[in-house]
C-alpha atoms as a PDB file:
ATOM      1  CA  MET A   1     -60.019   7.966  99.374  1.00  0.00           C
ATOM      2  CA  MET A   2     -63.006   8.223 101.613  1.00  0.00           C
ATOM      3  CA  LYS A   3     -66.530   7.362 100.495  1.00  0.00           C
ATOM      4  CA  LEU A   4     -69.733   8.864 101.902  1.00  0.00           C
ATOM      5  CA  GLN A   5     -69.533   9.278 105.646  1.00  0.00           C
ATOM      6  CA  SER A   6     -72.029   7.309 107.774  1.00  0.00           C
ATOM      7  CA  LYS A   7     -72.156   5.347 110.949  1.00  0.00           C
ATOM      8  CA  ILE A   8     -73.597   2.436 108.984  1.00  0.00           C
ATOM      9  CA  ARG A   9     -71.050   0.563 106.843  1.00  0.00           C
ATOM     10  CA  ASN A  10     -71.293  -2.876 105.314  1.00  0.00           C
ATOM     11  CA  PHE A  11     -67.572  -3.354 104.899  1.00  0.00           C
ATOM     12  CA  CYS A  12     -64.226  -1.596 104.921  1.00  0.00           C
ATOM     13  CA  CYS A  13     -61.386  -2.822 102.762  1.00  0.00           C
ATOM     14  CA  ALA A  14     -57.852  -3.037 104.046  1.00  0.00           C
ATOM     15  CA  LEU A  15     -54.987  -0.982 102.645  1.00  0.00           C
ATOM     16  CA  VAL A  16     -53.510  -2.463  99.510  1.00  0.00           C
ATOM     17  CA  LEU A  17     -49.884  -1.901  98.554  1.00  0.00           C
ATOM     18  CA  VAL A  18     -49.625  -0.967  94.860  1.00  0.00           C
ATOM     19  CA  ALA A  19     -46.457  -1.592  92.840  1.00  0.00           C
ATOM     20  CA  THR A  20     -45.807   2.125  92.572  1.00  0.00           C
ATOM     21  CA  GLY A  21     -45.810   2.437  96.352  1.00  0.00           C
ATOM     22  CA  LEU A  22     -49.307   3.946  96.520  1.00  0.00           C
ATOM     23  CA  PHE A  23     -51.661   2.868  99.297  1.00  0.00           C
ATOM     24  CA  LEU A  24     -55.380   2.639  98.625  1.00  0.00           C
ATOM     25  CA  ALA A  25     -58.239   2.605 101.063  1.00  0.00           C
ATOM     26  CA  SER A  26     -61.846   2.035 100.032  1.00  0.00           C
ATOM     27  CA  CYS A  27     -64.769   2.320 102.432  1.00  0.00           C
ATOM     28  CA  ARG A  28     -68.374   2.117 101.312  1.00  0.00           C
ATOM     29  CA  LEU A  29     -71.802   2.866 102.640  1.00  0.00           C
ATOM     30  CA  SER A  30     -74.454   0.237 102.613  1.00  0.00           C
ATOM     31  CA  THR A  31     -76.963   1.032  99.892  1.00  0.00           C
ATOM     32  CA  GLY A  32     -79.920   3.021 101.123  1.00  0.00           C
ATOM     33  CA  ASP A  33     -81.247   6.467 101.818  1.00  0.00           C
ATOM     34  CA  PHE A  34     -80.190   8.489 104.855  1.00  0.00           C
ATOM     35  CA  VAL A  35     -81.826  11.834 105.556  1.00  0.00           C
ATOM     36  CA  PHE A  36     -80.589  14.582 107.825  1.00  0.00           C
ATOM     37  CA  ALA A  37     -81.454  18.220 108.365  1.00  0.00           C
ATOM     38  CA  GLU A  38     -78.885  20.959 108.587  1.00  0.00           C
ATOM     39  CA  ASP A  39     -78.751  24.560 109.758  1.00  0.00           C
ATOM     40  CA  GLU A  40     -80.303  26.550 106.953  1.00  0.00           C
ATOM     41  CA  THR A  41     -78.398  29.779 106.404  1.00  0.00           C
ATOM     42  CA  SER A  42     -78.673  29.998 102.624  1.00  0.00           C
ATOM     43  CA  GLU A  43     -81.316  31.919 100.722  1.00  0.00           C
ATOM     44  CA  VAL A  44     -81.998  28.773  98.672  1.00  0.00           C
ATOM     45  CA  ALA A  45     -85.112  26.940  99.874  1.00  0.00           C
ATOM     46  CA  PRO A  46     -84.350  23.597 101.586  1.00  0.00           C
ATOM     47  CA  HIS A  47     -84.679  20.686  99.174  1.00  0.00           C
ATOM     48  CA  PHE A  48     -83.657  17.033  98.932  1.00  0.00           C
ATOM     49  CA  VAL A  49     -80.475  16.016  97.144  1.00  0.00           C
ATOM     50  CA  THR A  50     -79.556  12.366  96.530  1.00  0.00           C
ATOM     51  CA  ILE A  51     -75.856  11.544  96.217  1.00  0.00           C
ATOM     52  CA  TYR A  52     -74.981   8.356  94.327  1.00  0.00           C
ATOM     53  CA  ASP A  53     -71.499   7.120  95.156  1.00  0.00           C
ATOM     54  CA  ASP A  54     -70.376   3.860  93.454  1.00  0.00           C
ATOM     55  CA  GLY A  55     -73.477   1.877  94.357  1.00  0.00           C
ATOM     56  CA  SER A  56     -74.145   3.661  97.646  1.00  0.00           C
ATOM     57  CA  SER A  57     -76.598   6.499  98.089  1.00  0.00           C
ATOM     58  CA  LEU A  58     -77.298   9.242 100.565  1.00  0.00           C
ATOM     59  CA  THR A  59     -80.231  11.639 100.550  1.00  0.00           C
ATOM     60  CA  VAL A  60     -79.853  14.931 102.382  1.00  0.00           C
ATOM     61  CA  LYS A  61     -82.140  17.845 103.035  1.00  0.00           C
ATOM     62  CA  THR A  62     -80.096  20.937 102.343  1.00  0.00           C
ATOM     63  CA  SER A  63     -80.179  24.575 101.341  1.00  0.00           C
ATOM     64  CA  ALA A  64     -76.678  24.459  99.833  1.00  0.00           C
ATOM     65  CA  ALA A  65     -76.597  26.357  96.556  1.00  0.00           C
ATOM     66  CA  THR A  66     -73.977  24.363  94.610  1.00  0.00           C
ATOM     67  CA  VAL A  67     -72.920  20.745  94.167  1.00  0.00           C
ATOM     68  CA  LYS A  68     -69.663  21.487  96.004  1.00  0.00           C
ATOM     69  CA  ASP A  69     -71.513  22.975  98.977  1.00  0.00           C
ATOM     70  CA  VAL A  70     -73.862  19.975  99.159  1.00  0.00           C
ATOM     71  CA  LEU A  71     -70.974  17.497  99.261  1.00  0.00           C
ATOM     72  CA  GLU A  72     -69.038  19.505 101.841  1.00  0.00           C
ATOM     73  CA  ARG A  73     -72.065  19.804 104.160  1.00  0.00           C
ATOM     74  CA  ALA A  74     -72.747  16.086 103.760  1.00  0.00           C
ATOM     75  CA  GLY A  75     -69.156  15.292 104.747  1.00  0.00           C
ATOM     76  CA  VAL A  76     -68.313  13.684 101.406  1.00  0.00           C
ATOM     77  CA  GLU A  77     -64.597  13.707 100.638  1.00  0.00           C
ATOM     78  CA  LEU A  78     -63.222  13.666  97.098  1.00  0.00           C
ATOM     79  CA  SER A  79     -59.843  12.862  95.623  1.00  0.00           C
ATOM     80  CA  ASP A  80     -58.356  14.853  92.748  1.00  0.00           C
ATOM     81  CA  SER A  81     -59.029  11.957  90.357  1.00  0.00           C
ATOM     82  CA  ASP A  82     -62.719  11.510  91.217  1.00  0.00           C
ATOM     83  CA  ILE A  83     -65.352  12.683  88.743  1.00  0.00           C
ATOM     84  CA  VAL A  84     -68.485  14.486  89.923  1.00  0.00           C
ATOM     85  CA  GLU A  85     -71.522  15.047  87.734  1.00  0.00           C
ATOM     86  CA  PRO A  86     -72.791  17.700  87.488  1.00  0.00           C
ATOM     87  CA  ALA A  87     -69.640  19.784  88.008  1.00  0.00           C
ATOM     88  CA  LEU A  88     -68.867  21.106  91.485  1.00  0.00           C
ATOM     89  CA  ASP A  89     -69.784  24.708  90.625  1.00  0.00           C
ATOM     90  CA  THR A  90     -73.221  23.748  89.274  1.00  0.00           C
ATOM     91  CA  GLU A  91     -76.152  25.365  91.099  1.00  0.00           C
ATOM     92  CA  THR A  92     -78.625  22.843  92.472  1.00  0.00           C
ATOM     93  CA  GLY A  93     -81.617  25.189  92.520  1.00  0.00           C
ATOM     94  CA  ASP A  94     -84.377  24.580  95.040  1.00  0.00           C
ATOM     95  CA  ALA A  95     -85.916  21.407  93.546  1.00  0.00           C
ATOM     96  CA  ASP A  96     -84.987  17.790  94.278  1.00  0.00           C
ATOM     97  CA  TYR A  97     -81.605  16.999  92.727  1.00  0.00           C
ATOM     98  CA  ASN A  98     -79.240  14.083  92.002  1.00  0.00           C
ATOM     99  CA  ILE A  99     -75.431  14.037  92.175  1.00  0.00           C
ATOM    100  CA  ASN A 100     -73.272  11.210  90.802  1.00  0.00           C
ATOM    101  CA  ILE A 101     -69.757  10.495  92.062  1.00  0.00           C
ATOM    102  CA  TYR A 102     -67.426   8.266  90.053  1.00  0.00           C
ATOM    103  CA  ARG A 103     -64.546   7.204  92.258  1.00  0.00           C
ATOM    104  CA  ALA A 104     -61.025   6.940  90.947  1.00  0.00           C
ATOM    105  CA  ARG A 105     -59.628   3.422  90.986  1.00  0.00           C
ATOM    106  CA  PRO A 106     -56.211   1.973  90.154  1.00  0.00           C
ATOM    107  CA  ALA A 107     -55.524   0.869  86.592  1.00  0.00           C
ATOM    108  CA  LEU A 108     -52.574  -0.873  84.981  1.00  0.00           C
ATOM    109  CA  ILE A 109     -51.753  -0.019  81.357  1.00  0.00           C
ATOM    110  CA  ILE A 110     -49.461  -2.368  79.411  1.00  0.00           C
ATOM    111  CA  ASP A 111     -47.871  -1.126  76.182  1.00  0.00           C
ATOM    112  CA  GLY A 112     -45.375  -3.729  75.076  1.00  0.00           C
ATOM    113  CA  THR A 113     -42.685  -3.757  77.717  1.00  0.00           C
ATOM    114  CA  LYS A 114     -43.902  -0.520  79.266  1.00  0.00           C
ATOM    115  CA  ARG A 115     -46.250  -0.460  82.228  1.00  0.00           C
ATOM    116  CA  TYR A 116     -48.110   2.479  83.709  1.00  0.00           C
ATOM    117  CA  TYR A 117     -50.088   2.698  86.955  1.00  0.00           C
ATOM    118  CA  ILE A 118     -52.693   5.447  87.249  1.00  0.00           C
ATOM    119  CA  MET A 119     -55.770   6.394  89.242  1.00  0.00           C
ATOM    120  CA  THR A 120     -58.783   6.944  86.974  1.00  0.00           C
ATOM    121  CA  ALA A 121     -62.520   7.423  87.267  1.00  0.00           C
ATOM    122  CA  SER A 122     -63.109   6.822  83.565  1.00  0.00           C
ATOM    123  CA  TYR A 123     -64.504   3.632  82.043  1.00  0.00           C
ATOM    124  CA  ASP A 124     -63.513   4.463  78.457  1.00  0.00           C
ATOM    125  CA  PRO A 125     -60.405   2.357  77.626  1.00  0.00           C
ATOM    126  CA  LYS A 126     -59.112   4.833  75.038  1.00  0.00           C
ATOM    127  CA  GLN A 127     -59.491   7.723  77.465  1.00  0.00           C
ATOM    128  CA  ILE A 128     -57.781   5.747  80.220  1.00  0.00           C
ATOM    129  CA  LEU A 129     -54.783   5.078  77.979  1.00  0.00           C
ATOM    130  CA  GLY A 130     -54.735   8.753  77.077  1.00  0.00           C
ATOM    131  CA  GLU A 131     -54.594   9.649  80.789  1.00  0.00           C
ATOM    132  CA  ALA A 132     -51.497   7.466  81.021  1.00  0.00           C
ATOM    133  CA  GLY A 133     -49.927   9.278  78.066  1.00  0.00           C
ATOM    134  CA  VAL A 134     -50.299   6.291  75.719  1.00  0.00           C
ATOM    135  CA  THR A 135     -51.288   7.050  72.097  1.00  0.00           C
ATOM    136  CA  VAL A 136     -53.839   4.737  70.480  1.00  0.00           C
ATOM    137  CA  TYR A 137     -53.589   4.546  66.688  1.00  0.00           C
ATOM    138  CA  ASP A 138     -56.373   3.427  64.359  1.00  0.00           C
ATOM    139  CA  GLY A 139     -56.316  -0.370  64.171  1.00  0.00           C
ATOM    140  CA  ASP A 140     -54.811  -0.855  67.646  1.00  0.00           C
ATOM    141  CA  GLU A 141     -56.765  -3.095  69.997  1.00  0.00           C
ATOM    142  CA  ILE A 142     -57.238  -2.624  73.735  1.00  0.00           C
ATOM    143  CA  ASN A 143     -57.779  -5.756  75.780  1.00  0.00           C
ATOM    144  CA  VAL A 144     -59.415  -5.188  79.166  1.00  0.00           C
ATOM    145  CA  LYS A 145     -59.124  -7.705  82.005  1.00  0.00           C
ATOM    146  CA  MET A 146     -58.751  -7.918  85.738  1.00  0.00           C
ATOM    147  CA  ASN A 147     -55.149  -8.327  86.795  1.00  0.00           C
ATOM    148  CA  ASP A 148     -54.720 -11.746  88.379  1.00  0.00           C
ATOM    149  CA  SER A 149     -51.452 -10.813  90.041  1.00  0.00           C
ATOM    150  CA  PHE A 150     -52.641  -9.256  93.306  1.00  0.00           C
ATOM    151  CA  LEU A 151     -49.068  -8.860  94.510  1.00  0.00           C
ATOM    152  CA  GLU A 152     -48.081  -7.000  91.342  1.00  0.00           C
ATOM    153  CA  ALA A 153     -50.684  -4.266  91.307  1.00  0.00           C
ATOM    154  CA  GLY A 154     -53.545  -5.041  93.607  1.00  0.00           C
ATOM    155  CA  ALA A 155     -57.071  -5.813  92.421  1.00  0.00           C
ATOM    156  CA  VAL A 156     -57.020  -3.430  89.453  1.00  0.00           C
ATOM    157  CA  SER A 157     -58.288  -3.377  85.889  1.00  0.00           C
ATOM    158  CA  THR A 158     -55.614  -4.012  83.279  1.00  0.00           C
ATOM    159  CA  TYR A 159     -55.619  -2.407  79.828  1.00  0.00           C
ATOM    160  CA  GLU A 160     -53.204  -4.018  77.396  1.00  0.00           C
ATOM    161  CA  ILE A 161     -52.757  -2.449  73.980  1.00  0.00           C
ATOM    162  CA  GLU A 162     -52.006  -4.586  70.946  1.00  0.00           C
ATOM    163  CA  ARG A 163     -50.195  -2.628  68.260  1.00  0.00           C
ATOM    164  CA  ASN A 164     -51.324  -3.446  64.721  1.00  0.00           C
ATOM    165  CA  GLY A 165     -49.179  -1.042  62.705  1.00  0.00           C
ATOM    166  CA  GLY A 166     -51.724   1.751  62.519  1.00  0.00           C
ATOM    167  CA  ARG A 167     -50.642   4.729  60.431  1.00  0.00           C
ATOM    168  CA  THR A 168     -53.568   7.043  61.151  1.00  0.00           C
ATOM    169  CA  ILE A 169     -55.000   8.412  64.366  1.00  0.00           C
ATOM    170  CA  THR A 170     -58.519   9.676  65.072  1.00  0.00           C
ATOM    171  CA  GLU A 171     -58.877  12.239  67.811  1.00  0.00           C
ATOM    172  CA  ASP A 172     -61.905  13.843  69.418  1.00  0.00           C
ATOM    173  CA  GLU A 173     -61.242  17.478  70.187  1.00  0.00           C
ATOM    174  CA  PRO A 174     -63.579  19.848  72.037  1.00  0.00           C
ATOM    175  CA  ILE A 175     -64.887  23.005  70.415  1.00  0.00           C
ATOM    176  CA  ALA A 176     -65.048  25.602  73.164  1.00  0.00           C
ATOM    177  CA  TYR A 177     -68.396  27.279  73.618  1.00  0.00           C
ATOM    178  CA  GLY A 178     -68.707  31.044  73.624  1.00  0.00           C
ATOM    179  CA  THR A 179     -70.614  33.394  75.867  1.00  0.00           C
ATOM    180  CA  GLU A 180     -73.414  35.596  74.615  1.00  0.00           C
ATOM    181  CA  LYS A 181     -75.074  38.425  76.473  1.00  0.00           C
ATOM    182  CA  ARG A 182     -78.733  39.202  76.002  1.00  0.00           C
ATOM    183  CA  TYR A 183     -79.864  42.565  77.305  1.00  0.00           C
ATOM    184  CA  ASP A 184     -83.207  42.654  79.066  1.00  0.00           C
ATOM    185  CA  TYR A 185     -84.594  46.174  79.264  1.00  0.00           C
ATOM    186  CA  ASN A 186     -87.202  45.078  81.802  1.00  0.00           C
ATOM    187  CA  LEU A 187     -84.491  43.911  84.215  1.00  0.00           C
ATOM    188  CA  ALA A 188     -82.759  46.454  86.450  1.00  0.00           C
ATOM    189  CA  LYS A 189     -79.237  47.452  85.527  1.00  0.00           C
ATOM    190  CA  GLY A 190     -76.596  45.416  87.361  1.00  0.00           C
ATOM    191  CA  GLU A 191     -78.779  42.310  87.611  1.00  0.00           C
ATOM    192  CA  GLN A 192     -77.980  39.262  85.545  1.00  0.00           C
ATOM    193  CA  HIS A 193     -78.755  35.569  85.405  1.00  0.00           C
ATOM    194  CA  LEU A 194     -77.794  32.507  83.413  1.00  0.00           C
ATOM    195  CA  GLU A 195     -80.419  31.695  80.798  1.00  0.00           C
ATOM    196  CA  GLN A 196     -78.603  28.842  79.074  1.00  0.00           C
ATOM    197  CA  ALA A 197     -75.601  26.811  80.195  1.00  0.00           C
ATOM    198  CA  GLY A 198     -72.799  26.506  77.652  1.00  0.00           C
ATOM    199  CA  GLU A 199     -71.714  23.166  76.262  1.00  0.00           C
ATOM    200  CA  ASP A 200     -68.561  22.375  74.304  1.00  0.00           C
ATOM    201  CA  GLY A 201     -68.949  20.991  70.804  1.00  0.00           C
ATOM    202  CA  ARG A 202     -67.058  18.035  69.395  1.00  0.00           C
ATOM    203  CA  MET A 203     -64.673  17.884  66.433  1.00  0.00           C
ATOM    204  CA  VAL A 204     -63.297  14.610  65.055  1.00  0.00           C
ATOM    205  CA  ARG A 205     -59.986  14.894  63.214  1.00  0.00           C
ATOM    206  CA  VAL A 206     -58.100  12.147  61.398  1.00  0.00           C
ATOM    207  CA  TYR A 207     -54.311  12.464  61.018  1.00  0.00           C
ATOM    208  CA  GLU A 208     -51.828  10.487  58.942  1.00  0.00           C
ATOM    209  CA  VAL A 209     -48.843   9.657  61.114  1.00  0.00           C
ATOM    210  CA  GLN A 210     -45.216   9.415  60.062  1.00  0.00           C
ATOM    211  CA  PHE A 211     -42.792   7.238  62.036  1.00  0.00           C
ATOM    212  CA  LYS A 212     -39.048   6.992  62.263  1.00  0.00           C
ATOM    213  CA  ASP A 213     -37.535   4.033  64.126  1.00  0.00           C
ATOM    214  CA  ASN A 214     -41.075   3.241  65.358  1.00  0.00           C
ATOM    215  CA  VAL A 215     -41.354   6.679  66.934  1.00  0.00           C
ATOM    216  CA  GLU A 216     -43.978   9.149  65.758  1.00  0.00           C
ATOM    217  CA  VAL A 217     -42.294  12.186  64.216  1.00  0.00           C
ATOM    218  CA  SER A 218     -45.113  14.065  62.467  1.00  0.00           C
ATOM    219  CA  ARG A 219     -48.835  14.187  61.712  1.00  0.00           C
ATOM    220  CA  THR A 220     -50.733  15.426  58.660  1.00  0.00           C
ATOM    221  CA  LEU A 221     -54.411  16.312  58.898  1.00  0.00           C
ATOM    222  CA  VAL A 222     -56.451  14.099  56.576  1.00  0.00           C
ATOM    223  CA  SER A 223     -60.023  15.050  57.471  1.00  0.00           C
ATOM    224  CA  GLU A 224     -62.093  16.802  60.085  1.00  0.00           C
ATOM    225  CA  GLU A 225     -65.777  16.733  60.883  1.00  0.00           C
ATOM    226  CA  VAL A 226     -67.891  18.617  63.399  1.00  0.00           C
ATOM    227  CA  GLN A 227     -69.848  15.979  65.296  1.00  0.00           C
ATOM    228  CA  ARG A 228     -71.628  18.414  67.579  1.00  0.00           C
ATOM    229  CA  GLU A 229     -71.855  22.179  67.416  1.00  0.00           C
ATOM    230  CA  PRO A 230     -71.070  24.042  70.652  1.00  0.00           C
ATOM    231  CA  VAL A 231     -73.988  25.458  72.605  1.00  0.00           C
ATOM    232  CA  PRO A 232     -73.330  29.048  73.680  1.00  0.00           C
ATOM    233  CA  GLU A 233     -73.658  30.208  77.250  1.00  0.00           C
ATOM    234  CA  ILE A 234     -76.330  32.909  77.387  1.00  0.00           C
ATOM    235  CA  ILE A 235     -76.287  35.457  80.183  1.00  0.00           C
ATOM    236  CA  VAL A 236     -79.202  37.843  80.572  1.00  0.00           C
ATOM    237  CA  VAL A 237     -78.031  41.291  81.630  1.00  0.00           C
ATOM    238  CA  GLY A 238     -80.349  43.916  83.071  1.00  0.00           C
ATOM    239  CA  ALA A 239     -80.391  47.103  81.009  1.00  0.00           C
ATOM    240  CA  LYS A 240     -83.467  48.929  82.212  1.00  0.00           C
ATOM    241  CA  ALA A 241     -82.832  52.660  82.080  1.00  0.00           C
ATOM    242  CA  SER A 242     -82.361  54.367  85.418  1.00  0.00           C
ATOM    243  CA  ILE A 243     -84.610  57.409  85.242  1.00  0.00           C
ATOM    244  CA  SER A 244     -84.537  60.208  87.765  1.00  0.00           C
ATOM    245  CA  PRO A 245     -87.914  61.030  89.398  1.00  0.00           C
ATOM    246  CA  GLU A 246     -88.232  64.381  87.669  1.00  0.00           C
ATOM    247  CA  ARG A 247     -87.947  62.698  84.264  1.00  0.00           C
ATOM    248  CA  GLN A 248     -90.355  59.826  84.877  1.00  0.00           C
ATOM    249  CA  GLN A 249     -93.328  61.489  83.165  1.00  0.00           C
ATOM    250  CA  CYS A 250     -91.300  62.328  80.074  1.00  0.00           C
ATOM    251  CA  ALA A 251     -89.970  58.762  80.042  1.00  0.00           C
ATOM    252  CA  GLU A 252     -93.533  57.416  79.984  1.00  0.00           C
ATOM    253  CA  TRP A 253     -94.377  59.659  77.019  1.00  0.00           C
ATOM    254  CA  ALA A 254     -91.246  58.479  75.208  1.00  0.00           C
ATOM    255  CA  ARG A 255     -92.082  54.817  75.835  1.00  0.00           C
ATOM    256  CA  ALA A 256     -95.621  55.381  74.575  1.00  0.00           C
ATOM    257  CA  ALA A 257     -94.205  56.994  71.424  1.00  0.00           C
ATOM    258  CA  GLY A 258     -92.027  53.934  70.748  1.00  0.00           C
ATOM    259  CA  VAL A 259     -88.643  54.780  72.255  1.00  0.00           C
ATOM    260  CA  SER A 260     -87.009  51.514  73.349  1.00  0.00           C
ATOM    261  CA  GLU A 261     -85.570  51.004  76.817  1.00  0.00           C
ATOM    262  CA  GLY A 262     -82.141  50.728  75.234  1.00  0.00           C
ATOM    263  CA  ASP A 263     -82.479  54.220  73.734  1.00  0.00           C
ATOM    264  CA  LEU A 264     -84.448  55.815  76.549  1.00  0.00           C
ATOM    265  CA  SER A 265     -81.597  57.373  78.540  1.00  0.00           C
ATOM    266  CA  VAL A 266     -79.957  59.052  75.559  1.00  0.00           C
ATOM    267  CA  ALA A 267     -83.351  60.067  74.130  1.00  0.00           C
ATOM    268  CA  LEU A 268     -84.251  61.855  77.367  1.00  0.00           C
ATOM    269  CA  GLU A 269     -80.846  63.524  77.411  1.00  0.00           C
ATOM    270  CA  LEU A 270     -81.441  64.971  73.955  1.00  0.00           C
ATOM    271  CA  ILE A 271     -85.057  65.929  74.719  1.00  0.00           C
ATOM    272  CA  TYR A 272     -84.129  67.820  77.868  1.00  0.00           C
ATOM    273  CA  HIS A 273     -81.277  69.619  76.134  1.00  0.00           C
ATOM    274  CA  GLU A 274     -83.668  70.765  73.394  1.00  0.00           C
ATOM    275  CA  SER A 275     -86.879  71.602  75.237  1.00  0.00           C
ATOM    276  CA  GLY A 276     -86.864  70.382  78.823  1.00  0.00           C
ATOM    277  CA  CYS A 277     -89.611  68.002  77.620  1.00  0.00           C
ATOM    278  CA  ARG A 278     -92.097  70.895  77.447  1.00  0.00           C
ATOM    279  CA  VAL A 279     -94.826  70.296  74.877  1.00  0.00           C
ATOM    280  CA  ASP A 280     -95.281  74.040  74.235  1.00  0.00           C
ATOM    281  CA  ALA A 281     -91.608  75.024  74.204  1.00  0.00           C
ATOM    282  CA  SER A 282     -91.050  77.651  71.533  1.00  0.00           C
ATOM    283  CA  ASN A 283     -88.103  79.497  70.029  1.00  0.00           C
ATOM    284  CA  PRO A 284     -87.925  82.850  68.192  1.00  0.00           C
ATOM    285  CA  SER A 285     -86.556  80.904  65.216  1.00  0.00           C
ATOM    286  CA  GLY A 286     -89.893  79.134  64.874  1.00  0.00           C
ATOM    287  CA  ALA A 287     -88.862  75.835  66.479  1.00  0.00           C
ATOM    288  CA  TYR A 288     -91.645  74.331  68.546  1.00  0.00           C
ATOM    289  CA  GLY A 289     -92.465  71.560  70.985  1.00  0.00           C
ATOM    290  CA  ILE A 290     -90.493  68.784  72.625  1.00  0.00           C
ATOM    291  CA  PRO A 291     -88.380  68.044  69.515  1.00  0.00           C
ATOM    292  CA  GLN A 292     -88.061  71.752  68.563  1.00  0.00           C
ATOM    293  CA  ALA A 293     -89.343  70.997  65.088  1.00  0.00           C
ATOM    294  CA  LYS A 294     -88.940  73.932  62.702  1.00  0.00           C
ATOM    295  CA  PRO A 295     -91.555  74.809  61.749  1.00  0.00           C
ATOM    296  CA  GLY A 296     -93.692  73.069  64.309  1.00  0.00           C
ATOM    297  CA  ASN A 297     -96.414  72.069  61.882  1.00  0.00           C
ATOM    298  CA  LYS A 298     -94.054  69.463  60.409  1.00  0.00           C
ATOM    299  CA  MET A 299     -95.265  67.279  63.253  1.00  0.00           C
ATOM    300  CA  SER A 300     -98.805  67.218  61.833  1.00  0.00           C
ATOM    301  CA  ALA A 301     -97.663  64.229  59.786  1.00  0.00           C
ATOM    302  CA  MET A 302     -97.931  62.250  63.048  1.00  0.00           C
ATOM    303  CA  GLY A 303    -101.301  63.606  64.132  1.00  0.00           C
ATOM    304  CA  SER A 304    -103.557  66.618  64.197  1.00  0.00           C
ATOM    305  CA  ASP A 305    -102.878  67.014  67.940  1.00  0.00           C
ATOM    306  CA  TRP A 306     -99.233  67.804  67.293  1.00  0.00           C
ATOM    307  CA  GLU A 307     -99.392  71.105  69.195  1.00  0.00           C
ATOM    308  CA  THR A 308    -100.515  69.613  72.510  1.00  0.00           C
ATOM    309  CA  ASN A 309     -99.774  65.877  72.551  1.00  0.00           C
ATOM    310  CA  PRO A 310     -96.269  64.980  73.806  1.00  0.00           C
ATOM    311  CA  VAL A 311     -96.515  61.414  72.459  1.00  0.00           C
ATOM    312  CA  THR A 312     -97.288  62.703  68.943  1.00  0.00           C
ATOM    313  CA  GLN A 313     -94.342  65.087  69.130  1.00  0.00           C
ATOM    314  CA  ILE A 314     -91.868  62.442  70.328  1.00  0.00           C
ATOM    315  CA  ARG A 315     -93.155  60.011  67.683  1.00  0.00           C
ATOM    316  CA  TRP A 316     -92.219  62.612  65.053  1.00  0.00           C
ATOM    317  CA  MET A 317     -88.845  63.088  66.760  1.00  0.00           C
ATOM    318  CA  ILE A 318     -88.108  59.354  66.475  1.00  0.00           C
ATOM    319  CA  GLY A 319     -88.523  59.485  62.709  1.00  0.00           C
ATOM    320  CA  TYR A 320     -86.371  62.605  62.501  1.00  0.00           C
ATOM    321  CA  VAL A 321     -83.375  61.271  64.474  1.00  0.00           C
ATOM    322  CA  ASN A 322     -83.531  57.895  62.705  1.00  0.00           C
ATOM    323  CA  GLY A 323     -83.694  59.430  59.266  1.00  0.00           C
ATOM    324  CA  ARG A 324     -81.011  62.079  59.747  1.00  0.00           C
ATOM    325  CA  TYR A 325     -78.609  60.568  62.296  1.00  0.00           C
ATOM    326  CA  GLY A 326     -79.307  56.849  62.217  1.00  0.00           C
ATOM    327  CA  GLY A 327     -80.717  56.834  65.739  1.00  0.00           C
ATOM    328  CA  TRP A 328     -80.725  58.560  69.098  1.00  0.00           C
ATOM    329  CA  GLN A 329     -77.045  58.090  69.854  1.00  0.00           C
ATOM    330  CA  GLY A 330     -76.006  59.558  66.518  1.00  0.00           C
ATOM    331  CA  ALA A 331     -78.231  62.594  67.137  1.00  0.00           C
ATOM    332  CA  MET A 332     -76.833  63.030  70.648  1.00  0.00           C
ATOM    333  CA  ASN A 333     -73.265  62.807  69.371  1.00  0.00           C
ATOM    334  CA  TRP A 334     -74.025  65.535  66.836  1.00  0.00           C
ATOM    335  CA  TRP A 335     -75.613  67.680  69.535  1.00  0.00           C
ATOM    336  CA  TRP A 336     -72.548  67.462  71.776  1.00  0.00           C
ATOM    337  CA  GLU A 337     -70.379  68.673  68.913  1.00  0.00           C
ATOM    338  CA  HIS A 338     -72.649  71.405  67.519  1.00  0.00           C
ATOM    339  CA  HIS A 339     -75.177  72.105  70.323  1.00  0.00           C
ATOM    340  CA  TRP A 340     -78.063  71.625  67.954  1.00  0.00           C
ATOM    341  CA  TYR A 341     -79.382  68.698  65.999  1.00  0.00           C
END
């Protein structure tokens, strides 16, 4: 397990033989800031990132976009049991940033006559026992101490559980967050960005445990309580209508009349099928204008300039399609089936 790489080191510990046959190596930086520049090939602006690694620190100037990229460029090696905060796939942005590394260390868990050796980066005794597969029941006590027997397990923390006949168990369980999409009609189609990072919630459940020959055989849920609601991940998705050049003027009239960006494409489709977006389009049946209102003077309800103003005509059309078809898409669906609306 290698710590931050540097030419300056204040000590390097020798390999220690663990009872399970594992070898450990631990090398540390002297505390202090070290700055280096790198080849900038990313689009992210160069910024300073400080890496805190078990009491040591290293500050780098980097354009790496994610925590993982920063650590790789800085030559920081990680083991599978190490914990990095924020997560490796987190984007660092282009402002100054901090990264914390919690190094895995050996731990000895004693449960009666059973002993377990694990590598852990956690400092929560209950979580550490859980990593070893040891169940902690309500009323059990966990005694934490340094193991004095260097030959037995090396200089490791020891977690000894004292069983007190607990018959219930309290468990924290995550509530997975969901993902929501928010459509931005001012953002080009195909573009998207993260507006809010998701965060799991927390549920606490209490179970009554049944034993047979001192072995757990079943659990019954007694109570549950939501301690923290999940925070949804929100992704903003571009939904701005892609309008062909020849329809841009009509699109501006439609926007001015109140057609939303979400409805704009289908609204233009219907308008062009009916009248080609011509304000004076007429039909022998008496239909008139952009919406082909029949008779045309119906549109006077929206303004006295109904004969010549495209915005007035489309404003009337909005009310018509909403009232009769529930919206633009409903009107367009009807048109495709009947070729009129």
